[in-house]
């Protein structure tokens, strides 16, 4: 019987299971901005290159930890899929977990992700222990990536949706309200009469409006008012709808640390360039997740003295126009070599272009003067 069969009750070696509840267990999880934020962060964390360096600071090629998180994490899942799944679960519920399976010689054989809610952690005198049913695992047997720390439990984490529950629920309620108003076609209407009306008359008018006009199909029917009655629209216009949508996106952006312009598909954000947006995204959204993954991998999958990092260069390049202007100035001023600039934009190096040279106007004389001062 396989590991998942023992832990989760599966009869096959592959973890195939069905969820008894809908995928979006809370209204906030179904918000488009939440879906986009989770997909952005989890996919970017999964595609970043993992680099392991030795005690001398040099990159260790084909390190087992880098290989298992990049190529095949298990018999049925790639490293990209594992990192994306674990990060997405952590973004939803706060705790992303994967079981470390080792071979007889102690090397890591597989990393198998844990479904959301199947495992819990507890802080004991001997350290953190993880429990799946009646099975207990030590901390060195589990990769644990978390979102926001739980002030009441040092061994557990809270997700952005839980940490910002009030704002997330308000954003979900606004989306539901706008959906209801949109279905009526005209929004909310106030009907007034100059004279007094009985309760039966008020109820009759209310029922007639609900049956005849408060639907998308009845929006085009003419509204006939008699006896001096007046109808006035109360909100529900496109401007208020856009304000509500903008508010929900901004709240989601704050909770997940993603720049709002990356959640608005049409763009139009406040940042001045794509490079600036990418820098803000990496600094505020990805940096914490990168640190969490690197700390777990370094602690549980690497030897003492080895360090782990993720290369964020592909995310910070921006568009070729902005990057080209900056790289050209750095190369002409001698700060970077031509091959350094080529590597930055993903091109192969060229022979004879590894040394920085000063070719800007006035740069050669400045370099010569500097060389003369050094010789003196």
Foldseek 3Di string as FASTA:
>chain_A
DEPCCVQVVDPDNDDDDDDPDDPCPDLLCPPLLNVLLLQVQLQVQLPFQKFKAFLVRDTDPPAVLRCCLAQPQAPVDGNSRLSSVQSSLQQVFFKWKWFFDADPVGATDHTHTDDRPQKDWAQDPVGIWIDGPPDIDDPLGMQIFGDAADPVGNVTGGHLCVVPVVLSVVLSVLVVQLVQQVQLVQGDKDKDAPDDDDPVVVVVVVVCCVVQRRGPVNVPPDDDDDRRMDMDHDDSDPVVNVVSSLSSLVSSCVSQQQQSQSSPPVGPGDDDFQLVNLVSCCVRHRVSRQVSNQVSCCVNNHDPRMGMGTDCLVSNCGDCVVNVVVVVVCQQLQVAWPQVSCVSVPHHGDPPGHGRDHRPVVNVVVVVVVVVVVVD
